[in-house]
Amino acid sequence: MEPGTWWSESDYARQYYKGMVKGGISCLLIYFSEFGLELSEEQRERITSCEDYDQLKRWFQRALKGDSVEQIFG
């Protein structure tokens, strides 16, 4: 999301957004683990350092449709 959007308006909104991001990161990591998909260190770092909820959501949507990690990050 771009600066100046709803989540940057207040401390509460920023904390809420950060919680959404942390939840998205956790969901992706759990998904990969449960389905036995191996992440490289680079891919794991890419997920855990992501601060964009929309990006995490796109990766998760691709994960639901893809068969490999490469398809998800492709």
PDB file of N, CA and C in Angstrom:
ATOM      1  N   MET A   1       0.830  -1.181   0.000  1.00  0.00           N
ATOM      2  CA  MET A   1       0.000   0.000   0.000  1.00  0.00           C
ATOM      3  C   MET A   1       0.872   1.239   0.000  1.00  0.00           C
ATOM      4  N   GLU A   2       0.347   2.262  -0.562  1.00  0.00           N
ATOM      5  CA  GLU A   2       1.080   3.510  -0.680  1.00  0.00           C
ATOM      6  C   GLU A   2       0.956   4.344   0.603  1.00  0.00           C
ATOM      7  N   PRO A   3       2.011   5.105   0.936  1.00  0.00           N
ATOM      8  CA  PRO A   3       1.906   6.029   2.061  1.00  0.00           C
ATOM      9  C   PRO A   3       0.729   6.971   1.838  1.00  0.00           C
ATOM     10  N   GLY A   4       0.076   7.320   2.926  1.00  0.00           N
ATOM     11  CA  GLY A   4      -1.059   8.211   2.828  1.00  0.00           C
ATOM     12  C   GLY A   4      -2.380   7.468   2.708  1.00  0.00           C
ATOM     13  N   THR A   5      -2.344   6.147   2.703  1.00  0.00           N
ATOM     14  CA  THR A   5      -3.579   5.380   2.650  1.00  0.00           C
ATOM     15  C   THR A   5      -4.124   5.219   4.059  1.00  0.00           C
ATOM     16  N   TRP A   6      -5.232   4.515   4.183  1.00  0.00           N
ATOM     17  CA  TRP A   6      -5.949   4.436   5.456  1.00  0.00           C
ATOM     18  C   TRP A   6      -5.082   4.026   6.626  1.00  0.00           C
ATOM     19  N   TRP A   7      -4.129   3.137   6.415  1.00  0.00           N
ATOM     20  CA  TRP A   7      -3.362   2.607   7.541  1.00  0.00           C
ATOM     21  C   TRP A   7      -2.343   3.576   8.103  1.00  0.00           C
ATOM     22  N   SER A   8      -2.072   4.658   7.406  1.00  0.00           N
ATOM     23  CA  SER A   8      -1.089   5.623   7.926  1.00  0.00           C
ATOM     24  C   SER A   8      -1.752   6.784   8.651  1.00  0.00           C
ATOM     25  N   GLU A   9      -3.054   6.707   8.825  1.00  0.00           N
ATOM     26  CA  GLU A   9      -3.782   7.830   9.415  1.00  0.00           C
ATOM     27  C   GLU A   9      -3.666   7.933  10.934  1.00  0.00           C
ATOM     28  N   SER A  10      -3.488   6.826  11.622  1.00  0.00           N
ATOM     29  CA  SER A  10      -3.423   6.872  13.081  1.00  0.00           C
ATOM     30  C   SER A  10      -2.510   5.764  13.593  1.00  0.00           C
ATOM     31  N   ASP A  11      -2.117   5.882  14.850  1.00  0.00           N
ATOM     32  CA  ASP A  11      -1.290   4.844  15.464  1.00  0.00           C
ATOM     33  C   ASP A  11      -2.031   3.512  15.485  1.00  0.00           C
ATOM     34  N   TYR A  12      -3.318   3.564  15.811  1.00  0.00           N
ATOM     35  CA  TYR A  12      -4.109   2.333  15.848  1.00  0.00           C
ATOM     36  C   TYR A  12      -4.132   1.669  14.477  1.00  0.00           C
ATOM     37  N   ALA A  13      -4.365   2.450  13.432  1.00  0.00           N
ATOM     38  CA  ALA A  13      -4.437   1.897  12.073  1.00  0.00           C
ATOM     39  C   ALA A  13      -3.090   1.318  11.655  1.00  0.00           C
ATOM     40  N   ARG A  14      -1.991   1.989  12.014  1.00  0.00           N
ATOM     41  CA  ARG A  14      -0.662   1.472  11.680  1.00  0.00           C
ATOM     42  C   ARG A  14      -0.406   0.146  12.389  1.00  0.00           C
ATOM     43  N   GLN A  15      -0.766   0.067  13.653  1.00  0.00           N
ATOM     44  CA  GLN A  15      -0.576  -1.176  14.405  1.00  0.00           C
ATOM     45  C   GLN A  15      -1.470  -2.287  13.853  1.00  0.00           C
ATOM     46  N   TYR A  16      -2.674  -1.947  13.464  1.00  0.00           N
ATOM     47  CA  TYR A  16      -3.591  -2.920  12.867  1.00  0.00           C
ATOM     48  C   TYR A  16      -2.998  -3.461  11.564  1.00  0.00           C
ATOM     49  N   TYR A  17      -2.487  -2.562  10.733  1.00  0.00           N
ATOM     50  CA  TYR A  17      -1.883  -2.963   9.462  1.00  0.00           C
ATOM     51  C   TYR A  17      -0.670  -3.861   9.690  1.00  0.00           C
ATOM     52  N   LYS A  18       0.173  -3.489  10.660  1.00  0.00           N
ATOM     53  CA  LYS A  18       1.338  -4.321  10.974  1.00  0.00           C
ATOM     54  C   LYS A  18       0.904  -5.711  11.417  1.00  0.00           C
ATOM     55  N   GLY A  19      -0.191  -5.800  12.161  1.00  0.00           N
ATOM     56  CA  GLY A  19      -0.729  -7.090  12.577  1.00  0.00           C
ATOM     57  C   GLY A  19      -1.206  -7.903  11.385  1.00  0.00           C
ATOM     58  N   MET A  20      -1.826  -7.236  10.418  1.00  0.00           N
ATOM     59  CA  MET A  20      -2.257  -7.923   9.198  1.00  0.00           C
ATOM     60  C   MET A  20      -1.053  -8.477   8.451  1.00  0.00           C
ATOM     61  N   VAL A  21       0.015  -7.695   8.374  1.00  0.00           N
ATOM     62  CA  VAL A  21       1.233  -8.132   7.686  1.00  0.00           C
ATOM     63  C   VAL A  21       1.832  -9.345   8.400  1.00  0.00           C
ATOM     64  N   LYS A  22       1.946  -9.272   9.716  1.00  0.00           N
ATOM     65  CA  LYS A  22       2.500 -10.402  10.471  1.00  0.00           C
ATOM     66  C   LYS A  22       1.658 -11.657  10.273  1.00  0.00           C
ATOM     67  N   GLY A  23       0.341 -11.490  10.254  1.00  0.00           N
ATOM     68  CA  GLY A  23      -0.547 -12.619  10.021  1.00  0.00           C
ATOM     69  C   GLY A  23      -0.363 -13.208   8.628  1.00  0.00           C
ATOM     70  N   GLY A  24      -0.189 -12.326   7.635  1.00  0.00           N
ATOM     71  CA  GLY A  24       0.049 -12.789   6.265  1.00  0.00           C
ATOM     72  C   GLY A  24       1.345 -13.562   6.141  1.00  0.00           C
ATOM     73  N   ILE A  25       2.377 -13.081   6.804  1.00  0.00           N
ATOM     74  CA  ILE A  25       3.669 -13.775   6.805  1.00  0.00           C
ATOM     75  C   ILE A  25       3.509 -15.156   7.434  1.00  0.00           C
ATOM     76  N   SER A  26       2.854 -15.206   8.583  1.00  0.00           N
ATOM     77  CA  SER A  26       2.647 -16.488   9.264  1.00  0.00           C
ATOM     78  C   SER A  26       1.866 -17.464   8.400  1.00  0.00           C
ATOM     79  N   CYS A  27       0.805 -16.985   7.755  1.00  0.00           N
ATOM     80  CA  CYS A  27      -0.009 -17.863   6.899  1.00  0.00           C
ATOM     81  C   CYS A  27       0.815 -18.445   5.758  1.00  0.00           C
ATOM     82  N   LEU A  28       1.615 -17.618   5.125  1.00  0.00           N
ATOM     83  CA  LEU A  28       2.440 -18.117   4.028  1.00  0.00           C
ATOM     84  C   LEU A  28       3.430 -19.168   4.503  1.00  0.00           C
ATOM     85  N   LEU A  29       4.102 -18.904   5.606  1.00  0.00           N
ATOM     86  CA  LEU A  29       5.090 -19.856   6.112  1.00  0.00           C
ATOM     87  C   LEU A  29       4.434 -21.170   6.530  1.00  0.00           C
ATOM     88  N   ILE A  30       3.273 -21.082   7.153  1.00  0.00           N
ATOM     89  CA  ILE A  30       2.540 -22.290   7.530  1.00  0.00           C
ATOM     90  C   ILE A  30       2.126 -23.061   6.282  1.00  0.00           C
ATOM     91  N   TYR A  31       1.636 -22.360   5.281  1.00  0.00           N
ATOM     92  CA  TYR A  31       1.206 -23.003   4.040  1.00  0.00           C
ATOM     93  C   TYR A  31       2.360 -23.802   3.431  1.00  0.00           C
ATOM     94  N   PHE A  32       3.509 -23.151   3.283  1.00  0.00           N
ATOM     95  CA  PHE A  32       4.658 -23.834   2.688  1.00  0.00           C
ATOM     96  C   PHE A  32       5.061 -25.055   3.513  1.00  0.00           C
ATOM     97  N   SER A  33       5.063 -24.907   4.811  1.00  0.00           N
ATOM     98  CA  SER A  33       5.442 -26.009   5.689  1.00  0.00           C
ATOM     99  C   SER A  33       4.457 -27.175   5.576  1.00  0.00           C
ATOM    100  N   GLU A  34       3.179 -26.882   5.633  1.00  0.00           N
ATOM    101  CA  GLU A  34       2.150 -27.929   5.600  1.00  0.00           C
ATOM    102  C   GLU A  34       2.118 -28.690   4.282  1.00  0.00           C
ATOM    103  N   PHE A  35       2.444 -28.019   3.197  1.00  0.00           N
ATOM    104  CA  PHE A  35       2.412 -28.675   1.899  1.00  0.00           C
ATOM    105  C   PHE A  35       3.785 -29.163   1.448  1.00  0.00           C
ATOM    106  N   GLY A  36       4.761 -29.093   2.349  1.00  0.00           N
ATOM    107  CA  GLY A  36       6.077 -29.643   2.074  1.00  0.00           C
ATOM    108  C   GLY A  36       6.848 -28.909   0.989  1.00  0.00           C
ATOM    109  N   LEU A  37       6.556 -27.640   0.815  1.00  0.00           N
ATOM    110  CA  LEU A  37       7.274 -26.841  -0.182  1.00  0.00           C
ATOM    111  C   LEU A  37       8.478 -26.191   0.484  1.00  0.00           C
ATOM    112  N   GLU A  38       9.653 -26.496  -0.025  1.00  0.00           N
ATOM    113  CA  GLU A  38      10.898 -25.983   0.550  1.00  0.00           C
ATOM    114  C   GLU A  38      11.171 -24.569   0.056  1.00  0.00           C
ATOM    115  N   LEU A  39      11.484 -23.689   0.980  1.00  0.00           N
ATOM    116  CA  LEU A  39      11.866 -22.319   0.654  1.00  0.00           C
ATOM    117  C   LEU A  39      13.373 -22.175   0.741  1.00  0.00           C
ATOM    118  N   SER A  40      13.937 -21.445  -0.201  1.00  0.00           N
ATOM    119  CA  SER A  40      15.352 -21.096  -0.089  1.00  0.00           C
ATOM    120  C   SER A  40      15.470 -20.007   0.972  1.00  0.00           C
ATOM    121  N   GLU A  41      16.675 -19.766   1.417  1.00  0.00           N
ATOM    122  CA  GLU A  41      16.890 -18.682   2.389  1.00  0.00           C
ATOM    123  C   GLU A  41      16.440 -17.340   1.802  1.00  0.00           C
ATOM    124  N   GLU A  42      16.713 -17.139   0.527  1.00  0.00           N
ATOM    125  CA  GLU A  42      16.313 -15.898  -0.141  1.00  0.00           C
ATOM    126  C   GLU A  42      14.796 -15.748  -0.170  1.00  0.00           C
ATOM    127  N   GLN A  43      14.101 -16.823  -0.480  1.00  0.00           N
ATOM    128  CA  GLN A  43      12.636 -16.769  -0.526  1.00  0.00           C
ATOM    129  C   GLN A  43      12.050 -16.546   0.863  1.00  0.00           C
ATOM    130  N   ARG A  44      12.600 -17.228   1.871  1.00  0.00           N
ATOM    131  CA  ARG A  44      12.131 -17.021   3.248  1.00  0.00           C
ATOM    132  C   ARG A  44      12.360 -15.578   3.685  1.00  0.00           C
ATOM    133  N   GLU A  45      13.517 -15.035   3.352  1.00  0.00           N
ATOM    134  CA  GLU A  45      13.823 -13.646   3.694  1.00  0.00           C
ATOM    135  C   GLU A  45      12.872 -12.690   2.971  1.00  0.00           C
ATOM    136  N   ARG A  46      12.574 -13.004   1.733  1.00  0.00           N
ATOM    137  CA  ARG A  46      11.643 -12.177   0.949  1.00  0.00           C
ATOM    138  C   ARG A  46      10.273 -12.112   1.622  1.00  0.00           C
ATOM    139  N   ILE A  47       9.821 -13.227   2.139  1.00  0.00           N
ATOM    140  CA  ILE A  47       8.530 -13.266   2.831  1.00  0.00           C
ATOM    141  C   ILE A  47       8.611 -12.537   4.166  1.00  0.00           C
ATOM    142  N   THR A  48       9.590 -12.891   4.990  1.00  0.00           N
ATOM    143  CA  THR A  48       9.640 -12.351   6.349  1.00  0.00           C
ATOM    144  C   THR A  48       9.983 -10.867   6.402  1.00  0.00           C
ATOM    145  N   SER A  49      10.589 -10.332   5.346  1.00  0.00           N
ATOM    146  CA  SER A  49      10.911  -8.901   5.342  1.00  0.00           C
ATOM    147  C   SER A  49       9.853  -8.065   4.626  1.00  0.00           C
ATOM    148  N   CYS A  50       8.849  -8.715   4.056  1.00  0.00           N
ATOM    149  CA  CYS A  50       7.815  -7.994   3.318  1.00  0.00           C
ATOM    150  C   CYS A  50       6.943  -7.192   4.291  1.00  0.00           C
ATOM    151  N   GLU A  51       6.703  -5.942   3.960  1.00  0.00           N
ATOM    152  CA  GLU A  51       5.853  -5.078   4.774  1.00  0.00           C
ATOM    153  C   GLU A  51       4.607  -4.646   4.016  1.00  0.00           C
ATOM    154  N   ASP A  52       4.348  -5.279   2.879  1.00  0.00           N
ATOM    155  CA  ASP A  52       3.223  -4.926   2.017  1.00  0.00           C
ATOM    156  C   ASP A  52       2.182  -6.043   2.061  1.00  0.00           C
ATOM    157  N   TYR A  53       1.078  -5.785   2.747  1.00  0.00           N
ATOM    158  CA  TYR A  53       0.044  -6.797   2.899  1.00  0.00           C
ATOM    159  C   TYR A  53      -0.513  -7.249   1.546  1.00  0.00           C
ATOM    160  N   ASP A  54      -0.672  -6.319   0.621  1.00  0.00           N
ATOM    161  CA  ASP A  54      -1.204  -6.677  -0.693  1.00  0.00           C
ATOM    162  C   ASP A  54      -0.279  -7.651  -1.417  1.00  0.00           C
ATOM    163  N   GLN A  55       1.024  -7.479  -1.269  1.00  0.00           N
ATOM    164  CA  GLN A  55       1.981  -8.404  -1.881  1.00  0.00           C
ATOM    165  C   GLN A  55       1.872  -9.785  -1.241  1.00  0.00           C
ATOM    166  N   LEU A  56       1.791  -9.822   0.066  1.00  0.00           N
ATOM    167  CA  LEU A  56       1.643 -11.097   0.763  1.00  0.00           C
ATOM    168  C   LEU A  56       0.373 -11.812   0.313  1.00  0.00           C
ATOM    169  N   LYS A  57      -0.695 -11.044   0.147  1.00  0.00           N
ATOM    170  CA  LYS A  57      -1.961 -11.614  -0.305  1.00  0.00           C
ATOM    171  C   LYS A  57      -1.835 -12.185  -1.719  1.00  0.00           C
ATOM    172  N   ARG A  58      -1.129 -11.472  -2.599  1.00  0.00           N
ATOM    173  CA  ARG A  58      -0.915 -11.977  -3.962  1.00  0.00           C
ATOM    174  C   ARG A  58      -0.129 -13.287  -3.938  1.00  0.00           C
ATOM    175  N   TRP A  59       0.921 -13.360  -3.123  1.00  0.00           N
ATOM    176  CA  TRP A  59       1.707 -14.584  -3.014  1.00  0.00           C
ATOM    177  C   TRP A  59       0.840 -15.732  -2.505  1.00  0.00           C
ATOM    178  N   PHE A  60      -0.001 -15.455  -1.516  1.00  0.00           N
ATOM    179  CA  PHE A  60      -0.854 -16.499  -0.973  1.00  0.00           C
ATOM    180  C   PHE A  60      -1.854 -16.977  -2.024  1.00  0.00           C
ATOM    181  N   GLN A  61      -2.420 -16.065  -2.767  1.00  0.00           N
ATOM    182  CA  GLN A  61      -3.352 -16.442  -3.833  1.00  0.00           C
ATOM    183  C   GLN A  61      -2.653 -17.300  -4.888  1.00  0.00           C
ATOM    184  N   ARG A  62      -1.429 -16.930  -5.242  1.00  0.00           N
ATOM    185  CA  ARG A  62      -0.647 -17.751  -6.187  1.00  0.00           C
ATOM    186  C   ARG A  62      -0.329 -19.109  -5.588  1.00  0.00           C
ATOM    187  N   ALA A  63      -0.045 -19.145  -4.279  1.00  0.00           N
ATOM    188  CA  ALA A  63       0.275 -20.418  -3.622  1.00  0.00           C
ATOM    189  C   ALA A  63      -0.917 -21.367  -3.710  1.00  0.00           C
ATOM    190  N   LEU A  64      -2.113 -20.858  -3.606  1.00  0.00           N
ATOM    191  CA  LEU A  64      -3.300 -21.700  -3.678  1.00  0.00           C
ATOM    192  C   LEU A  64      -3.491 -22.296  -5.066  1.00  0.00           C
ATOM    193  N   LYS A  65      -2.962 -21.620  -6.077  1.00  0.00           N
ATOM    194  CA  LYS A  65      -3.132 -22.066  -7.459  1.00  0.00           C
ATOM    195  C   LYS A  65      -1.899 -22.781  -8.009  1.00  0.00           C
ATOM    196  N   GLY A  66      -0.742 -22.560  -7.411  1.00  0.00           N
ATOM    197  CA  GLY A  66       0.512 -23.070  -7.980  1.00  0.00           C
ATOM    198  C   GLY A  66       0.927 -24.413  -7.421  1.00  0.00           C
ATOM    199  N   ASP A  67       1.862 -25.004  -8.127  1.00  0.00           N
ATOM    200  CA  ASP A  67       2.389 -26.306  -7.720  1.00  0.00           C
ATOM    201  C   ASP A  67       3.812 -26.217  -7.180  1.00  0.00           C
ATOM    202  N   SER A  68       4.456 -25.069  -7.351  1.00  0.00           N
ATOM    203  CA  SER A  68       5.841 -24.937  -6.911  1.00  0.00           C
ATOM    204  C   SER A  68       6.097 -23.540  -6.374  1.00  0.00           C
ATOM    205  N   VAL A  69       7.144 -23.455  -5.587  1.00  0.00           N
ATOM    206  CA  VAL A  69       7.526 -22.159  -5.021  1.00  0.00           C
ATOM    207  C   VAL A  69       7.875 -21.180  -6.136  1.00  0.00           C
ATOM    208  N   GLU A  70       8.505 -21.668  -7.197  1.00  0.00           N
ATOM    209  CA  GLU A  70       8.895 -20.806  -8.306  1.00  0.00           C
ATOM    210  C   GLU A  70       7.683 -20.148  -8.956  1.00  0.00           C
ATOM    211  N   GLN A  71       6.561 -20.871  -9.056  1.00  0.00           N
ATOM    212  CA  GLN A  71       5.355 -20.293  -9.630  1.00  0.00           C
ATOM    213  C   GLN A  71       4.799 -19.180  -8.745  1.00  0.00           C
ATOM    214  N   ILE A  72       4.968 -19.324  -7.467  1.00  0.00           N
ATOM    215  CA  ILE A  72       4.429 -18.343  -6.525  1.00  0.00           C
ATOM    216  C   ILE A  72       5.197 -17.037  -6.602  1.00  0.00           C
ATOM    217  N   PHE A  73       6.499 -17.119  -6.698  1.00  0.00           N
ATOM    218  CA  PHE A  73       7.316 -15.904  -6.728  1.00  0.00           C
ATOM    219  C   PHE A  73       7.637 -15.440  -8.136  1.00  0.00           C
ATOM    220  N   GLY A  74       7.212 -16.190  -9.146  1.00  0.00           N
ATOM    221  CA  GLY A  74       7.528 -15.907 -10.544  1.00  0.00           C
ATOM    222  C   GLY A  74       6.988 -14.665 -11.119  1.00  0.00           C
TER     223      GLY A  74
END
